[in-house]
Amino acid sequence: MNCSKCKFFYITWDSVAKYGCKAYKFKSKEMPHHSVKKISNQDCQLFKDKKQKTEKKDDLDLTRDDLW
């Protein structure tokens, strides 16, 4: 698992706890998935790939002929 590829991962300004996880709402001096593994003895269950694109739906399509 690579936290840097997760959309919930971020780097903090805190010199003691450099890494953060928005999903689990904590900061840590190690990568968040290591902390999750130590505490729960399971792999991260909230990982979401950053590159996963959501389909954007436009409400108004100006290319429609019926609008003109």
N, C-alpha and C. Protein backbone atom coordinates (compact mmCIF):
# COMPACT_ATOMS: atom_id res chain seq x y z
N MET A 1 0.85 -1.17 0.00
CA MET A 1 0.00 0.00 0.00
C MET A 1 0.90 1.24 0.00
N ASN A 2 0.51 2.22 -0.78
CA ASN A 2 1.29 3.43 -0.89
C ASN A 2 0.40 4.63 -0.57
N CYS A 3 0.58 5.20 0.62
CA CYS A 3 -0.26 6.31 1.05
C CYS A 3 -0.17 7.51 0.11
N SER A 4 0.97 7.72 -0.50
CA SER A 4 1.12 8.90 -1.35
C SER A 4 0.23 8.83 -2.60
N LYS A 5 -0.33 7.67 -2.88
CA LYS A 5 -1.25 7.53 -4.01
C LYS A 5 -2.71 7.59 -3.57
N CYS A 6 -2.93 7.82 -2.29
CA CYS A 6 -4.29 7.87 -1.74
C CYS A 6 -4.78 9.31 -1.68
N LYS A 7 -6.05 9.52 -1.98
CA LYS A 7 -6.59 10.88 -1.99
C LYS A 7 -6.72 11.46 -0.58
N PHE A 8 -6.66 10.65 0.45
CA PHE A 8 -6.78 11.12 1.83
C PHE A 8 -5.43 11.49 2.45
N PHE A 9 -4.34 11.15 1.80
CA PHE A 9 -3.00 11.40 2.33
C PHE A 9 -2.60 12.86 2.13
N TYR A 10 -1.91 13.41 3.13
CA TYR A 10 -1.36 14.76 2.98
C TYR A 10 -0.10 14.89 3.84
N ILE A 11 0.71 15.88 3.50
CA ILE A 11 1.91 16.19 4.27
C ILE A 11 1.62 17.43 5.09
N THR A 12 1.94 17.37 6.38
CA THR A 12 1.62 18.46 7.29
C THR A 12 2.80 19.41 7.45
N TRP A 13 2.56 20.51 8.13
CA TRP A 13 3.62 21.46 8.47
C TRP A 13 4.25 21.09 9.81
N ASP A 14 3.71 20.13 10.48
CA ASP A 14 4.19 19.70 11.79
C ASP A 14 5.49 18.92 11.64
N SER A 15 6.56 19.39 12.26
CA SER A 15 7.86 18.72 12.12
C SER A 15 7.92 17.40 12.87
N VAL A 16 7.05 17.21 13.85
CA VAL A 16 7.02 15.96 14.62
C VAL A 16 6.17 14.90 13.92
N ALA A 17 5.04 15.33 13.37
CA ALA A 17 4.13 14.41 12.68
C ALA A 17 3.97 14.91 11.25
N LYS A 18 4.82 14.43 10.36
CA LYS A 18 4.87 14.96 9.00
C LYS A 18 3.75 14.48 8.09
N TYR A 19 3.16 13.34 8.38
CA TYR A 19 2.21 12.73 7.46
C TYR A 19 0.82 12.69 8.09
N GLY A 20 -0.19 12.87 7.25
CA GLY A 20 -1.55 12.86 7.76
C GLY A 20 -2.49 12.05 6.89
N CYS A 21 -3.59 11.65 7.49
CA CYS A 21 -4.64 10.92 6.80
C CYS A 21 -5.97 11.60 7.11
N LYS A 22 -6.60 12.14 6.07
CA LYS A 22 -7.89 12.83 6.25
C LYS A 22 -9.02 11.85 6.54
N ALA A 23 -8.91 10.63 6.05
CA ALA A 23 -9.96 9.64 6.27
C ALA A 23 -10.01 9.21 7.74
N TYR A 24 -8.86 8.91 8.32
CA TYR A 24 -8.80 8.49 9.72
C TYR A 24 -8.62 9.66 10.67
N LYS A 25 -8.37 10.85 10.12
CA LYS A 25 -8.25 12.09 10.90
C LYS A 25 -7.14 12.01 11.95
N PHE A 26 -5.91 11.73 11.48
CA PHE A 26 -4.76 11.76 12.38
C PHE A 26 -3.50 12.14 11.62
N LYS A 27 -2.49 12.55 12.39
CA LYS A 27 -1.16 12.84 11.85
C LYS A 27 -0.18 11.89 12.53
N SER A 28 0.93 11.60 11.84
CA SER A 28 1.89 10.63 12.36
C SER A 28 3.29 10.95 11.85
N LYS A 29 4.30 10.46 12.56
CA LYS A 29 5.67 10.63 12.09
C LYS A 29 6.05 9.58 11.05
N GLU A 30 5.19 8.56 10.91
CA GLU A 30 5.40 7.55 9.88
C GLU A 30 4.23 7.57 8.91
N MET A 31 4.38 6.89 7.80
CA MET A 31 3.29 6.84 6.83
C MET A 31 2.03 6.28 7.50
N PRO A 32 0.87 6.88 7.23
CA PRO A 32 -0.35 6.48 7.93
C PRO A 32 -0.69 4.99 7.84
N HIS A 33 -0.40 4.35 6.72
CA HIS A 33 -0.77 2.93 6.64
C HIS A 33 0.03 2.08 7.63
N HIS A 34 1.23 2.52 8.01
CA HIS A 34 1.99 1.80 9.02
C HIS A 34 1.31 1.93 10.39
N SER A 35 0.84 3.13 10.70
CA SER A 35 0.14 3.34 11.97
C SER A 35 -1.16 2.54 12.03
N VAL A 36 -1.90 2.54 10.93
CA VAL A 36 -3.16 1.79 10.88
C VAL A 36 -2.89 0.31 11.08
N LYS A 37 -1.86 -0.20 10.43
CA LYS A 37 -1.51 -1.62 10.54
C LYS A 37 -1.12 -1.99 11.98
N LYS A 38 -0.32 -1.11 12.63
CA LYS A 38 0.09 -1.36 14.02
C LYS A 38 -1.10 -1.39 14.97
N ILE A 39 -2.01 -0.43 14.79
CA ILE A 39 -3.12 -0.29 15.73
C ILE A 39 -4.20 -1.35 15.50
N SER A 40 -4.59 -1.56 14.25
CA SER A 40 -5.73 -2.44 13.97
C SER A 40 -5.32 -3.85 13.55
N ASN A 41 -4.03 -4.03 13.23
CA ASN A 41 -3.53 -5.31 12.74
C ASN A 41 -4.19 -5.69 11.41
N GLN A 42 -4.66 -4.66 10.66
CA GLN A 42 -5.26 -4.86 9.33
C GLN A 42 -4.71 -3.80 8.40
N ASP A 43 -4.77 -4.08 7.11
CA ASP A 43 -4.39 -3.07 6.13
C ASP A 43 -5.45 -1.96 6.12
N CYS A 44 -5.07 -0.82 5.61
CA CYS A 44 -5.98 0.32 5.52
C CYS A 44 -7.22 -0.05 4.71
N GLN A 45 -8.37 0.23 5.27
CA GLN A 45 -9.64 -0.09 4.62
C GLN A 45 -10.24 1.10 3.88
N LEU A 46 -9.63 2.29 4.04
CA LEU A 46 -10.20 3.50 3.46
C LEU A 46 -9.41 4.07 2.30
N PHE A 47 -8.46 3.30 1.76
CA PHE A 47 -7.64 3.77 0.65
C PHE A 47 -8.50 4.06 -0.58
N LYS A 48 -8.32 5.24 -1.15
CA LYS A 48 -8.98 5.63 -2.41
C LYS A 48 -7.92 6.20 -3.33
N ASP A 49 -7.83 5.65 -4.50
CA ASP A 49 -6.82 6.07 -5.48
C ASP A 49 -7.06 7.52 -5.91
N LYS A 50 -6.00 8.33 -5.87
CA LYS A 50 -6.09 9.73 -6.30
C LYS A 50 -6.48 9.86 -7.76
N LYS A 51 -6.02 8.94 -8.56
CA LYS A 51 -6.21 9.05 -10.00
C LYS A 51 -7.58 8.60 -10.46
N GLN A 52 -8.38 8.13 -9.54
CA GLN A 52 -9.72 7.69 -9.89
C GLN A 52 -10.55 8.94 -10.21
N LYS A 53 -10.94 9.07 -11.46
CA LYS A 53 -11.65 10.27 -11.90
C LYS A 53 -13.15 10.08 -11.73
N THR A 54 -13.78 11.14 -11.30
CA THR A 54 -15.23 11.12 -11.22
C THR A 54 -15.77 11.77 -12.48
N GLU A 55 -16.86 11.24 -12.94
CA GLU A 55 -17.45 11.76 -14.16
C GLU A 55 -18.19 13.05 -13.84
N LYS A 56 -17.82 14.10 -14.53
CA LYS A 56 -18.45 15.39 -14.30
C LYS A 56 -19.62 15.53 -15.28
N LYS A 57 -20.76 15.83 -14.75
CA LYS A 57 -21.94 15.97 -15.59
C LYS A 57 -22.28 17.46 -15.69
N ASP A 58 -22.27 17.96 -16.89
CA ASP A 58 -22.65 19.35 -17.11
C ASP A 58 -24.16 19.46 -17.14
N ASP A 59 -24.68 20.44 -16.46
CA ASP A 59 -26.12 20.65 -16.45
C ASP A 59 -26.60 21.28 -17.75
N LEU A 60 -25.75 22.08 -18.37
CA LEU A 60 -26.15 22.79 -19.57
C LEU A 60 -25.20 22.46 -20.71
N ASP A 61 -25.73 21.86 -21.74
CA ASP A 61 -24.94 21.51 -22.92
C ASP A 61 -25.25 22.52 -24.02
N LEU A 62 -24.33 23.43 -24.26
CA LEU A 62 -24.56 24.50 -25.23
C LEU A 62 -24.48 24.03 -26.68
N THR A 63 -24.14 22.79 -26.90
CA THR A 63 -24.10 22.27 -28.26
C THR A 63 -25.45 21.69 -28.69
N ARG A 64 -26.40 21.66 -27.78
CA ARG A 64 -27.72 21.12 -28.13
C ARG A 64 -28.44 22.09 -29.07
N ASP A 65 -28.99 21.55 -30.14
CA ASP A 65 -29.70 22.37 -31.12
C ASP A 65 -31.00 22.98 -30.59
N ASP A 66 -31.63 22.27 -29.67
CA ASP A 66 -32.92 22.77 -29.17
C ASP A 66 -32.79 24.00 -28.28
N LEU A 67 -31.57 24.35 -27.89
CA LEU A 67 -31.37 25.56 -27.08
C LEU A 67 -31.28 26.82 -27.96
N TRP A 68 -31.08 26.65 -29.25
CA TRP A 68 -30.88 27.81 -30.13
C TRP A 68 -32.01 28.01 -31.02
